[in-house]
């Protein structure tokens, strides 16, 4: 089974509880049996906190950090829409390589992606 998890935050970029939640969820899920196979996870996130573009956490989990602009506090809605475009493009490329059984998002910030 393969999972695409999309989150605006993932370490080293952690602003609030979402980044911490995702960071703790990944090791709990990675490699667990699902349909008789280990769960493979691709995490798609922003590179707002730095970190390597592609990071192999373990044999089952890969983090993909995409360059996007930070949220504009004066125009959060439009900056979120613009920030989702690179995530959408990258997710499409990943979907061409992998057939995902489940796509999971964590909040409205990545809802469009």
PDB file of N, CA and C in Angstrom:
ATOM      1  N   UNK A   1       0.855  -1.174   0.000  1.00  0.00           N
ATOM      2  CA  UNK A   1       0.000   0.000   0.000  1.00  0.00           C
ATOM      3  C   UNK A   1       0.898   1.233   0.000  1.00  0.00           C
ATOM      4  N   UNK A   2       0.500   2.241  -0.756  1.00  0.00           N
ATOM      5  CA  UNK A   2       1.294   3.468  -0.842  1.00  0.00           C
ATOM      6  C   UNK A   2       0.426   4.669  -0.477  1.00  0.00           C
ATOM      7  N   UNK A   3       0.999   5.546   0.343  1.00  0.00           N
ATOM      8  CA  UNK A   3       0.306   6.724   0.877  1.00  0.00           C
ATOM      9  C   UNK A   3       1.072   7.985   0.481  1.00  0.00           C
ATOM     10  N   UNK A   4       0.341   8.978  -0.024  1.00  0.00           N
ATOM     11  CA  UNK A   4       0.896  10.309  -0.225  1.00  0.00           C
ATOM     12  C   UNK A   4       0.320  11.191   0.864  1.00  0.00           C
ATOM     13  N   UNK A   5       1.193  11.749   1.692  1.00  0.00           N
ATOM     14  CA  UNK A   5       0.779  12.608   2.788  1.00  0.00           C
ATOM     15  C   UNK A   5       1.260  14.027   2.457  1.00  0.00           C
ATOM     16  N   UNK A   6       0.345  14.981   2.409  1.00  0.00           N
ATOM     17  CA  UNK A   6       0.682  16.359   2.053  1.00  0.00           C
ATOM     18  C   UNK A   6       0.463  17.240   3.276  1.00  0.00           C
ATOM     19  N   UNK A   7       1.516  17.994   3.636  1.00  0.00           N
ATOM     20  CA  UNK A   7       1.437  18.847   4.817  1.00  0.00           C
ATOM     21  C   UNK A   7       2.219  20.138   4.576  1.00  0.00           C
ATOM     22  N   UNK A   8       1.660  21.256   4.999  1.00  0.00           N
ATOM     23  CA  UNK A   8       2.355  22.537   4.869  1.00  0.00           C
ATOM     24  C   UNK A   8       3.585  22.564   5.774  1.00  0.00           C
ATOM     25  N   UNK A   9       3.515  21.841   6.884  1.00  0.00           N
ATOM     26  CA  UNK A   9       4.624  21.818   7.846  1.00  0.00           C
ATOM     27  C   UNK A   9       5.171  20.403   7.999  1.00  0.00           C
ATOM     28  N   UNK A  10       6.481  20.329   8.062  1.00  0.00           N
ATOM     29  CA  UNK A  10       7.193  19.108   8.424  1.00  0.00           C
ATOM     30  C   UNK A  10       8.602  19.552   8.812  1.00  0.00           C
ATOM     31  N   UNK A  11       9.201  18.945   9.823  1.00  0.00           N
ATOM     32  CA  UNK A  11      10.532  19.387  10.251  1.00  0.00           C
ATOM     33  C   UNK A  11      11.522  19.450   9.088  1.00  0.00           C
ATOM     34  N   UNK A  12      12.335  20.482   9.078  1.00  0.00           N
ATOM     35  CA  UNK A  12      12.605  21.420  10.162  1.00  0.00           C
ATOM     36  C   UNK A  12      11.609  22.577  10.257  1.00  0.00           C
ATOM     37  N   UNK A  13      10.604  22.631   9.375  1.00  0.00           N
ATOM     38  CA  UNK A  13       9.630  23.715   9.420  1.00  0.00           C
ATOM     39  C   UNK A  13       8.452  23.288  10.292  1.00  0.00           C
ATOM     40  N   UNK A  14       8.443  23.765  11.526  1.00  0.00           N
ATOM     41  CA  UNK A  14       7.354  23.473  12.458  1.00  0.00           C
ATOM     42  C   UNK A  14       6.937  24.796  13.085  1.00  0.00           C
ATOM     43  N   UNK A  15       5.722  25.228  12.777  1.00  0.00           N
ATOM     44  CA  UNK A  15       5.196  26.483  13.307  1.00  0.00           C
ATOM     45  C   UNK A  15       4.300  26.207  14.502  1.00  0.00           C
ATOM     46  N   UNK A  16       3.514  25.163  14.388  1.00  0.00           N
ATOM     47  CA  UNK A  16       2.561  24.834  15.458  1.00  0.00           C
ATOM     48  C   UNK A  16       2.410  23.337  15.596  1.00  0.00           C
ATOM     49  N   UNK A  17       1.230  22.924  15.966  1.00  0.00           N
ATOM     50  CA  UNK A  17       0.980  21.517  16.243  1.00  0.00           C
ATOM     51  C   UNK A  17       0.968  20.620  15.023  1.00  0.00           C
ATOM     52  N   UNK A  18       0.640  21.166  13.844  1.00  0.00           N
ATOM     53  CA  UNK A  18       0.551  20.325  12.657  1.00  0.00           C
ATOM     54  C   UNK A  18       1.890  19.686  12.315  1.00  0.00           C
ATOM     55  N   UNK A  19       2.954  20.458  12.297  1.00  0.00           N
ATOM     56  CA  UNK A  19       4.273  19.916  11.978  1.00  0.00           C
ATOM     57  C   UNK A  19       4.698  18.845  12.960  1.00  0.00           C
ATOM     58  N   UNK A  20       4.434  19.060  14.217  1.00  0.00           N
ATOM     59  CA  UNK A  20       4.765  18.074  15.255  1.00  0.00           C
ATOM     60  C   UNK A  20       3.922  16.818  15.077  1.00  0.00           C
ATOM     61  N   UNK A  21       2.659  16.998  14.805  1.00  0.00           N
ATOM     62  CA  UNK A  21       1.745  15.872  14.611  1.00  0.00           C
ATOM     63  C   UNK A  21       2.208  14.992  13.444  1.00  0.00           C
ATOM     64  N   UNK A  22       2.503  15.604  12.305  1.00  0.00           N
ATOM     65  CA  UNK A  22       2.934  14.837  11.136  1.00  0.00           C
ATOM     66  C   UNK A  22       4.258  14.143  11.419  1.00  0.00           C
ATOM     67  N   UNK A  23       5.190  14.846  12.042  1.00  0.00           N
ATOM     68  CA  UNK A  23       6.498  14.268  12.342  1.00  0.00           C
ATOM     69  C   UNK A  23       6.387  13.052  13.253  1.00  0.00           C
ATOM     70  N   UNK A  24       5.424  13.046  14.150  1.00  0.00           N
ATOM     71  CA  UNK A  24       5.248  11.905  15.045  1.00  0.00           C
ATOM     72  C   UNK A  24       4.412  10.798  14.407  1.00  0.00           C
ATOM     73  N   UNK A  25       3.543  11.151  13.479  1.00  0.00           N
ATOM     74  CA  UNK A  25       2.710  10.158  12.815  1.00  0.00           C
ATOM     75  C   UNK A  25       3.519   9.296  11.843  1.00  0.00           C
ATOM     76  N   UNK A  26       4.457   9.893  11.143  1.00  0.00           N
ATOM     77  CA  UNK A  26       5.207   9.182  10.105  1.00  0.00           C
ATOM     78  C   UNK A  26       5.909   7.936  10.650  1.00  0.00           C
ATOM     79  N   UNK A  27       6.725   8.022  11.700  1.00  0.00           N
ATOM     80  CA  UNK A  27       7.381   6.797  12.170  1.00  0.00           C
ATOM     81  C   UNK A  27       6.400   5.743  12.686  1.00  0.00           C
ATOM     82  N   UNK A  28       5.247   6.186  13.183  1.00  0.00           N
ATOM     83  CA  UNK A  28       4.247   5.239  13.674  1.00  0.00           C
ATOM     84  C   UNK A  28       3.612   4.440  12.530  1.00  0.00           C
ATOM     85  N   UNK A  29       3.556   5.031  11.329  1.00  0.00           N
ATOM     86  CA  UNK A  29       2.938   4.370  10.181  1.00  0.00           C
ATOM     87  C   UNK A  29       3.939   3.659   9.272  1.00  0.00           C
ATOM     88  N   UNK A  30       5.116   4.203   9.153  1.00  0.00           N
ATOM     89  CA  UNK A  30       6.110   3.740   8.187  1.00  0.00           C
ATOM     90  C   UNK A  30       6.422   2.256   8.332  1.00  0.00           C
ATOM     91  N   UNK A  31       6.222   1.511   7.251  1.00  0.00           N
ATOM     92  CA  UNK A  31       6.558   0.098   7.234  1.00  0.00           C
ATOM     93  C   UNK A  31       5.535  -0.812   7.874  1.00  0.00           C
ATOM     94  N   UNK A  32       4.499  -0.262   8.485  1.00  0.00           N
ATOM     95  CA  UNK A  32       3.464  -1.113   9.109  1.00  0.00           C
ATOM     96  C   UNK A  32       2.768  -1.925   8.027  1.00  0.00           C
ATOM     97  N   UNK A  33       2.310  -3.071   8.391  1.00  0.00           N
ATOM     98  CA  UNK A  33       1.613  -3.938   7.442  1.00  0.00           C
ATOM     99  C   UNK A  33       0.251  -3.353   7.061  1.00  0.00           C
ATOM    100  N   UNK A  34       0.022  -3.288   5.758  1.00  0.00           N
ATOM    101  CA  UNK A  34      -1.275  -2.865   5.226  1.00  0.00           C
ATOM    102  C   UNK A  34      -1.539  -3.733   4.004  1.00  0.00           C
ATOM    103  N   UNK A  35      -2.597  -4.472   4.015  1.00  0.00           N
ATOM    104  CA  UNK A  35      -2.916  -5.403   2.928  1.00  0.00           C
ATOM    105  C   UNK A  35      -1.783  -6.388   2.684  1.00  0.00           C
ATOM    106  N   UNK A  36      -1.117  -6.799   3.755  1.00  0.00           N
ATOM    107  CA  UNK A  36      -0.050  -7.789   3.641  1.00  0.00           C
ATOM    108  C   UNK A  36       1.277  -7.260   3.146  1.00  0.00           C
ATOM    109  N   UNK A  37       1.376  -5.948   2.971  1.00  0.00           N
ATOM    110  CA  UNK A  37       2.621  -5.324   2.512  1.00  0.00           C
ATOM    111  C   UNK A  37       2.994  -4.187   3.456  1.00  0.00           C
ATOM    112  N   UNK A  38       4.293  -3.834   3.487  1.00  0.00           N
ATOM    113  CA  UNK A  38       4.672  -2.667   4.299  1.00  0.00           C
ATOM    114  C   UNK A  38       4.137  -1.380   3.666  1.00  0.00           C
ATOM    115  N   UNK A  39       3.678  -0.473   4.488  1.00  0.00           N
ATOM    116  CA  UNK A  39       3.159   0.808   4.027  1.00  0.00           C
ATOM    117  C   UNK A  39       4.311   1.688   3.561  1.00  0.00           C
ATOM    118  N   UNK A  40       4.234   2.137   2.312  1.00  0.00           N
ATOM    119  CA  UNK A  40       5.202   3.066   1.735  1.00  0.00           C
ATOM    120  C   UNK A  40       4.602   4.469   1.818  1.00  0.00           C
ATOM    121  N   UNK A  41       5.380   5.429   2.299  1.00  0.00           N
ATOM    122  CA  UNK A  41       4.858   6.788   2.486  1.00  0.00           C
ATOM    123  C   UNK A  41       5.741   7.797   1.767  1.00  0.00           C
ATOM    124  N   UNK A  42       5.105   8.649   0.983  1.00  0.00           N
ATOM    125  CA  UNK A  42       5.751   9.834   0.432  1.00  0.00           C
ATOM    126  C   UNK A  42       5.127  11.027   1.135  1.00  0.00           C
ATOM    127  N   UNK A  43       5.953  11.824   1.804  1.00  0.00           N
ATOM    128  CA  UNK A  43       5.482  13.042   2.462  1.00  0.00           C
ATOM    129  C   UNK A  43       5.863  14.210   1.559  1.00  0.00           C
ATOM    130  N   UNK A  44       4.882  14.983   1.158  1.00  0.00           N
ATOM    131  CA  UNK A  44       5.105  16.158   0.326  1.00  0.00           C
ATOM    132  C   UNK A  44       4.857  17.386   1.191  1.00  0.00           C
ATOM    133  N   UNK A  45       5.870  18.261   1.256  1.00  0.00           N
ATOM    134  CA  UNK A  45       5.782  19.426   2.124  1.00  0.00           C
ATOM    135  C   UNK A  45       6.538  20.588   1.503  1.00  0.00           C
ATOM    136  N   UNK A  46       6.503  21.717   2.170  1.00  0.00           N
ATOM    137  CA  UNK A  46       7.228  22.903   1.717  1.00  0.00           C
ATOM    138  C   UNK A  46       8.682  22.833   2.194  1.00  0.00           C
ATOM    139  N   UNK A  47       9.516  23.671   1.622  1.00  0.00           N
ATOM    140  CA  UNK A  47      10.910  23.761   2.087  1.00  0.00           C
ATOM    141  C   UNK A  47      11.125  25.039   2.894  1.00  0.00           C
ATOM    142  N   UNK A  48      10.063  25.576   3.468  1.00  0.00           N
ATOM    143  CA  UNK A  48      10.154  26.859   4.147  1.00  0.00           C
ATOM    144  C   UNK A  48      11.161  26.866   5.294  1.00  0.00           C
ATOM    145  N   UNK A  49      11.414  25.736   5.909  1.00  0.00           N
ATOM    146  CA  UNK A  49      12.380  25.674   7.002  1.00  0.00           C
ATOM    147  C   UNK A  49      13.724  25.129   6.579  1.00  0.00           C
ATOM    148  N   UNK A  50      13.901  24.961   5.271  1.00  0.00           N
ATOM    149  CA  UNK A  50      15.145  24.361   4.783  1.00  0.00           C
ATOM    150  C   UNK A  50      15.002  22.856   4.726  1.00  0.00           C
ATOM    151  N   UNK A  51      16.107  22.171   4.873  1.00  0.00           N
ATOM    152  CA  UNK A  51      16.101  20.715   4.764  1.00  0.00           C
ATOM    153  C   UNK A  51      16.382  20.301   3.335  1.00  0.00           C
ATOM    154  N   UNK A  52      16.772  19.056   3.171  1.00  0.00           N
ATOM    155  CA  UNK A  52      17.082  18.557   1.839  1.00  0.00           C
ATOM    156  C   UNK A  52      15.809  18.382   1.022  1.00  0.00           C
ATOM    157  N   UNK A  53      15.944  18.529  -0.299  1.00  0.00           N
ATOM    158  CA  UNK A  53      14.788  18.433  -1.186  1.00  0.00           C
ATOM    159  C   UNK A  53      14.144  17.055  -1.114  1.00  0.00           C
ATOM    160  N   UNK A  54      14.967  16.014  -1.138  1.00  0.00           N
ATOM    161  CA  UNK A  54      14.463  14.647  -1.019  1.00  0.00           C
ATOM    162  C   UNK A  54      15.250  13.967   0.088  1.00  0.00           C
ATOM    163  N   UNK A  55      14.528  13.454   1.069  1.00  0.00           N
ATOM    164  CA  UNK A  55      15.162  12.828   2.230  1.00  0.00           C
ATOM    165  C   UNK A  55      14.552  11.446   2.450  1.00  0.00           C
ATOM    166  N   UNK A  56      15.385  10.431   2.427  1.00  0.00           N
ATOM    167  CA  UNK A  56      14.947   9.065   2.727  1.00  0.00           C
ATOM    168  C   UNK A  56      15.015   8.881   4.240  1.00  0.00           C
ATOM    169  N   UNK A  57      13.870   8.779   4.888  1.00  0.00           N
ATOM    170  CA  UNK A  57      13.854   8.593   6.343  1.00  0.00           C
ATOM    171  C   UNK A  57      14.223   7.174   6.729  1.00  0.00           C
ATOM    172  N   UNK A  58      13.689   6.232   5.977  1.00  0.00           N
ATOM    173  CA  UNK A  58      13.949   4.812   6.217  1.00  0.00           C
ATOM    174  C   UNK A  58      13.626   4.078   4.921  1.00  0.00           C
ATOM    175  N   UNK A  59      13.544   2.772   4.966  1.00  0.00           N
ATOM    176  CA  UNK A  59      13.271   1.991   3.757  1.00  0.00           C
ATOM    177  C   UNK A  59      11.873   2.220   3.197  1.00  0.00           C
ATOM    178  N   UNK A  60      10.993   2.848   3.966  1.00  0.00           N
ATOM    179  CA  UNK A  60       9.593   2.966   3.578  1.00  0.00           C
ATOM    180  C   UNK A  60       9.097   4.401   3.407  1.00  0.00           C
ATOM    181  N   UNK A  61       9.886   5.382   3.821  1.00  0.00           N
ATOM    182  CA  UNK A  61       9.395   6.762   3.852  1.00  0.00           C
ATOM    183  C   UNK A  61      10.362   7.720   3.187  1.00  0.00           C
ATOM    184  N   UNK A  62       9.812   8.545   2.291  1.00  0.00           N
ATOM    185  CA  UNK A  62      10.586   9.589   1.618  1.00  0.00           C
ATOM    186  C   UNK A  62       9.896  10.929   1.836  1.00  0.00           C
ATOM    187  N   UNK A  63      10.679  11.924   2.227  1.00  0.00           N
ATOM    188  CA  UNK A  63      10.185  13.291   2.391  1.00  0.00           C
ATOM    189  C   UNK A  63      10.556  14.064   1.127  1.00  0.00           C
ATOM    190  N   UNK A  64       9.592  14.772   0.561  1.00  0.00           N
ATOM    191  CA  UNK A  64       9.807  15.602  -0.626  1.00  0.00           C
ATOM    192  C   UNK A  64       9.499  17.040  -0.227  1.00  0.00           C
ATOM    193  N   UNK A  65      10.528  17.900  -0.234  1.00  0.00           N
ATOM    194  CA  UNK A  65      10.328  19.313   0.120  1.00  0.00           C
ATOM    195  C   UNK A  65      10.349  20.148  -1.153  1.00  0.00           C
ATOM    196  N   UNK A  66       9.305  20.938  -1.338  1.00  0.00           N
ATOM    197  CA  UNK A  66       9.109  21.717  -2.546  1.00  0.00           C
ATOM    198  C   UNK A  66       9.243  23.197  -2.220  1.00  0.00           C
ATOM    199  N   UNK A  67       9.915  23.915  -3.095  1.00  0.00           N
ATOM    200  CA  UNK A  67      10.068  25.359  -2.900  1.00  0.00           C
ATOM    201  C   UNK A  67       8.735  26.057  -3.131  1.00  0.00           C
ATOM    202  N   UNK A  68       8.335  26.820  -2.142  1.00  0.00           N
ATOM    203  CA  UNK A  68       7.102  27.591  -2.215  1.00  0.00           C
ATOM    204  C   UNK A  68       7.292  28.868  -1.409  1.00  0.00           C
ATOM    205  N   UNK A  69       6.438  29.819  -1.620  1.00  0.00           N
ATOM    206  CA  UNK A  69       6.540  31.085  -0.897  1.00  0.00           C
ATOM    207  C   UNK A  69       5.874  30.967   0.468  1.00  0.00           C
ATOM    208  N   UNK A  70       6.371  31.716   1.460  1.00  0.00           N
ATOM    209  CA  UNK A  70       5.712  31.704   2.770  1.00  0.00           C
ATOM    210  C   UNK A  70       4.341  32.376   2.687  1.00  0.00           C
ATOM    211  N   UNK A  71       3.517  32.098   3.663  1.00  0.00           N
ATOM    212  CA  UNK A  71       2.198  32.726   3.716  1.00  0.00           C
ATOM    213  C   UNK A  71       2.342  34.220   3.972  1.00  0.00           C
ATOM    214  N   UNK A  72       1.531  34.994   3.277  1.00  0.00           N
ATOM    215  CA  UNK A  72       1.491  36.438   3.471  1.00  0.00           C
ATOM    216  C   UNK A  72       0.388  36.727   4.478  1.00  0.00           C
ATOM    217  N   UNK A  73       0.735  37.223   5.681  1.00  0.00           N
ATOM    218  CA  UNK A  73      -0.303  37.457   6.686  1.00  0.00           C
ATOM    219  C   UNK A  73      -1.313  38.527   6.276  1.00  0.00           C
ATOM    220  N   UNK A  74      -0.950  39.368   5.302  1.00  0.00           N
ATOM    221  CA  UNK A  74      -1.874  40.398   4.829  1.00  0.00           C
ATOM    222  C   UNK A  74      -2.834  39.853   3.765  1.00  0.00           C
ATOM    223  N   UNK A  75      -2.507  38.706   3.185  1.00  0.00           N
ATOM    224  CA  UNK A  75      -3.345  38.098   2.150  1.00  0.00           C
ATOM    225  C   UNK A  75      -3.227  36.574   2.232  1.00  0.00           C
ATOM    226  N   UNK A  76      -3.659  35.991   3.349  1.00  0.00           N
ATOM    227  CA  UNK A  76      -3.435  34.556   3.554  1.00  0.00           C
ATOM    228  C   UNK A  76      -4.114  33.675   2.508  1.00  0.00           C
ATOM    229  N   UNK A  77      -5.328  34.018   2.118  1.00  0.00           N
ATOM    230  CA  UNK A  77      -6.035  33.153   1.164  1.00  0.00           C
ATOM    231  C   UNK A  77      -5.275  33.034  -0.151  1.00  0.00           C
ATOM    232  N   UNK A  78      -4.958  34.170  -0.761  1.00  0.00           N
ATOM    233  CA  UNK A  78      -4.278  34.132  -2.066  1.00  0.00           C
ATOM    234  C   UNK A  78      -2.866  33.566  -1.968  1.00  0.00           C
ATOM    235  N   UNK A  79      -2.187  33.807  -0.858  1.00  0.00           N
ATOM    236  CA  UNK A  79      -0.843  33.239  -0.733  1.00  0.00           C
ATOM    237  C   UNK A  79      -0.905  31.721  -0.552  1.00  0.00           C
ATOM    238  N   UNK A  80      -1.956  31.220   0.074  1.00  0.00           N
ATOM    239  CA  UNK A  80      -2.137  29.771   0.180  1.00  0.00           C
ATOM    240  C   UNK A  80      -2.411  29.177  -1.203  1.00  0.00           C
ATOM    241  N   UNK A  81      -3.276  29.836  -1.982  1.00  0.00           N
ATOM    242  CA  UNK A  81      -3.565  29.356  -3.339  1.00  0.00           C
ATOM    243  C   UNK A  81      -2.276  29.300  -4.154  1.00  0.00           C
ATOM    244  N   UNK A  82      -1.495  30.363  -4.108  1.00  0.00           N
ATOM    245  CA  UNK A  82      -0.221  30.387  -4.849  1.00  0.00           C
ATOM    246  C   UNK A  82       0.752  29.348  -4.313  1.00  0.00           C
ATOM    247  N   UNK A  83       0.775  29.169  -3.006  1.00  0.00           N
ATOM    248  CA  UNK A  83       1.679  28.207  -2.392  1.00  0.00           C
ATOM    249  C   UNK A  83       1.339  26.765  -2.725  1.00  0.00           C
ATOM    250  N   UNK A  84       0.087  26.504  -3.079  1.00  0.00           N
ATOM    251  CA  UNK A  84      -0.324  25.147  -3.441  1.00  0.00           C
ATOM    252  C   UNK A  84       0.099  24.757  -4.852  1.00  0.00           C
ATOM    253  N   UNK A  85       0.333  25.720  -5.711  1.00  0.00           N
ATOM    254  CA  UNK A  85       0.678  25.387  -7.098  1.00  0.00           C
ATOM    255  C   UNK A  85       1.920  24.500  -7.209  1.00  0.00           C
ATOM    256  N   UNK A  86       3.031  24.836  -6.538  1.00  0.00           N
ATOM    257  CA  UNK A  86       4.197  23.939  -6.621  1.00  0.00           C
ATOM    258  C   UNK A  86       3.922  22.561  -6.011  1.00  0.00           C
ATOM    259  N   UNK A  87       3.107  22.513  -4.968  1.00  0.00           N
ATOM    260  CA  UNK A  87       2.749  21.230  -4.364  1.00  0.00           C
ATOM    261  C   UNK A  87       1.914  20.391  -5.328  1.00  0.00           C
ATOM    262  N   UNK A  88       0.967  21.021  -6.010  1.00  0.00           N
ATOM    263  CA  UNK A  88       0.120  20.319  -6.982  1.00  0.00           C
ATOM    264  C   UNK A  88       0.984  19.765  -8.113  1.00  0.00           C
ATOM    265  N   UNK A  89       1.873  20.596  -8.660  1.00  0.00           N
ATOM    266  CA  UNK A  89       2.735  20.143  -9.758  1.00  0.00           C
ATOM    267  C   UNK A  89       3.599  18.966  -9.337  1.00  0.00           C
ATOM    268  N   UNK A  90       4.156  19.037  -8.154  1.00  0.00           N
ATOM    269  CA  UNK A  90       5.023  17.962  -7.675  1.00  0.00           C
ATOM    270  C   UNK A  90       4.209  16.697  -7.387  1.00  0.00           C
ATOM    271  N   UNK A  91       3.027  16.862  -6.815  1.00  0.00           N
ATOM    272  CA  UNK A  91       2.167  15.706  -6.530  1.00  0.00           C
ATOM    273  C   UNK A  91       1.793  14.988  -7.821  1.00  0.00           C
ATOM    274  N   UNK A  92       1.539  15.737  -8.878  1.00  0.00           N
ATOM    275  CA  UNK A  92       1.224  15.114 -10.177  1.00  0.00           C
ATOM    276  C   UNK A  92       2.403  14.297 -10.686  1.00  0.00           C
ATOM    277  N   UNK A  93       3.610  14.822 -10.532  1.00  0.00           N
ATOM    278  CA  UNK A  93       4.800  14.077 -10.955  1.00  0.00           C
ATOM    279  C   UNK A  93       4.967  12.797 -10.141  1.00  0.00           C
ATOM    280  N   UNK A  94       4.737  12.889  -8.838  1.00  0.00           N
ATOM    281  CA  UNK A  94       4.811  11.690  -8.000  1.00  0.00           C
ATOM    282  C   UNK A  94       3.757  10.668  -8.427  1.00  0.00           C
ATOM    283  N   UNK A  95       2.550  11.142  -8.739  1.00  0.00           N
ATOM    284  CA  UNK A  95       1.460  10.240  -9.128  1.00  0.00           C
ATOM    285  C   UNK A  95       1.732   9.543 -10.460  1.00  0.00           C
ATOM    286  N   UNK A  96       2.564  10.154 -11.297  1.00  0.00           N
ATOM    287  CA  UNK A  96       2.960   9.486 -12.543  1.00  0.00           C
ATOM    288  C   UNK A  96       3.900   8.324 -12.260  1.00  0.00           C
ATOM    289  N   UNK A  97       4.658   8.399 -11.174  1.00  0.00           N
ATOM    290  CA  UNK A  97       5.610   7.346 -10.797  1.00  0.00           C
ATOM    291  C   UNK A  97       4.974   6.263  -9.939  1.00  0.00           C
ATOM    292  N   UNK A  98       4.020   6.652  -9.090  1.00  0.00           N
ATOM    293  CA  UNK A  98       3.451   5.741  -8.105  1.00  0.00           C
ATOM    294  C   UNK A  98       1.929   5.780  -8.150  1.00  0.00           C
ATOM    295  N   UNK A  99       1.331   4.627  -7.994  1.00  0.00           N
ATOM    296  CA  UNK A  99      -0.126   4.555  -7.839  1.00  0.00           C
ATOM    297  C   UNK A  99      -0.420   4.631  -6.341  1.00  0.00           C
ATOM    298  N   UNK A 100      -1.016   5.726  -5.904  1.00  0.00           N
ATOM    299  CA  UNK A 100      -1.315   5.904  -4.492  1.00  0.00           C
ATOM    300  C   UNK A 100      -2.661   5.285  -4.145  1.00  0.00           C
ATOM    301  N   UNK A 101      -2.679   4.583  -3.028  1.00  0.00           N
ATOM    302  CA  UNK A 101      -3.920   4.018  -2.517  1.00  0.00           C
ATOM    303  C   UNK A 101      -4.693   5.041  -1.695  1.00  0.00           C
ATOM    304  N   UNK A 102      -3.955   5.994  -1.137  1.00  0.00           N
ATOM    305  CA  UNK A 102      -4.575   6.996  -0.277  1.00  0.00           C
ATOM    306  C   UNK A 102      -3.757   8.277  -0.338  1.00  0.00           C
ATOM    307  N   UNK A 103      -4.453   9.407  -0.413  1.00  0.00           N
ATOM    308  CA  UNK A 103      -3.814  10.721  -0.311  1.00  0.00           C
ATOM    309  C   UNK A 103      -4.416  11.380   0.916  1.00  0.00           C
ATOM    310  N   UNK A 104      -3.539  11.796   1.824  1.00  0.00           N
ATOM    311  CA  UNK A 104      -3.984  12.363   3.097  1.00  0.00           C
ATOM    312  C   UNK A 104      -3.427  13.781   3.228  1.00  0.00           C
ATOM    313  N   UNK A 105      -4.296  14.737   3.555  1.00  0.00           N
ATOM    314  CA  UNK A 105      -3.848  16.100   3.832  1.00  0.00           C
ATOM    315  C   UNK A 105      -4.171  16.420   5.283  1.00  0.00           C
ATOM    316  N   UNK A 106      -3.508  17.428   5.811  1.00  0.00           N
ATOM    317  CA  UNK A 106      -3.648  17.704   7.244  1.00  0.00           C
ATOM    318  C   UNK A 106      -4.470  18.929   7.592  1.00  0.00           C
ATOM    319  N   UNK A 107      -4.649  19.835   6.683  1.00  0.00           N
ATOM    320  CA  UNK A 107      -5.506  20.975   6.970  1.00  0.00           C
ATOM    321  C   UNK A 107      -5.777  21.754   5.692  1.00  0.00           C
ATOM    322  N   UNK A 108      -6.460  22.857   5.796  1.00  0.00           N
ATOM    323  CA  UNK A 108      -6.877  23.634   4.639  1.00  0.00           C
ATOM    324  C   UNK A 108      -5.721  24.222   3.850  1.00  0.00           C
ATOM    325  N   UNK A 109      -4.553  24.382   4.468  1.00  0.00           N
ATOM    326  CA  UNK A 109      -3.429  25.002   3.769  1.00  0.00           C
ATOM    327  C   UNK A 109      -3.003  24.216   2.536  1.00  0.00           C
ATOM    328  N   UNK A 110      -3.213  22.918   2.534  1.00  0.00           N
ATOM    329  CA  UNK A 110      -2.853  22.099   1.367  1.00  0.00           C
ATOM    330  C   UNK A 110      -4.087  21.457   0.725  1.00  0.00           C
ATOM    331  N   UNK A 111      -5.253  21.991   1.034  1.00  0.00           N
ATOM    332  CA  UNK A 111      -6.505  21.431   0.522  1.00  0.00           C
ATOM    333  C   UNK A 111      -6.573  21.374  -0.984  1.00  0.00           C
ATOM    334  N   UNK A 112      -6.115  22.406  -1.649  1.00  0.00           N
ATOM    335  CA  UNK A 112      -6.167  22.404  -3.122  1.00  0.00           C
ATOM    336  C   UNK A 112      -5.209  21.361  -3.686  1.00  0.00           C
ATOM    337  N   UNK A 113      -4.021  21.242  -3.093  1.00  0.00           N
ATOM    338  CA  UNK A 113      -3.058  20.244  -3.577  1.00  0.00           C
ATOM    339  C   UNK A 113      -3.633  18.861  -3.404  1.00  0.00           C
TER     340      UNK A 113
END
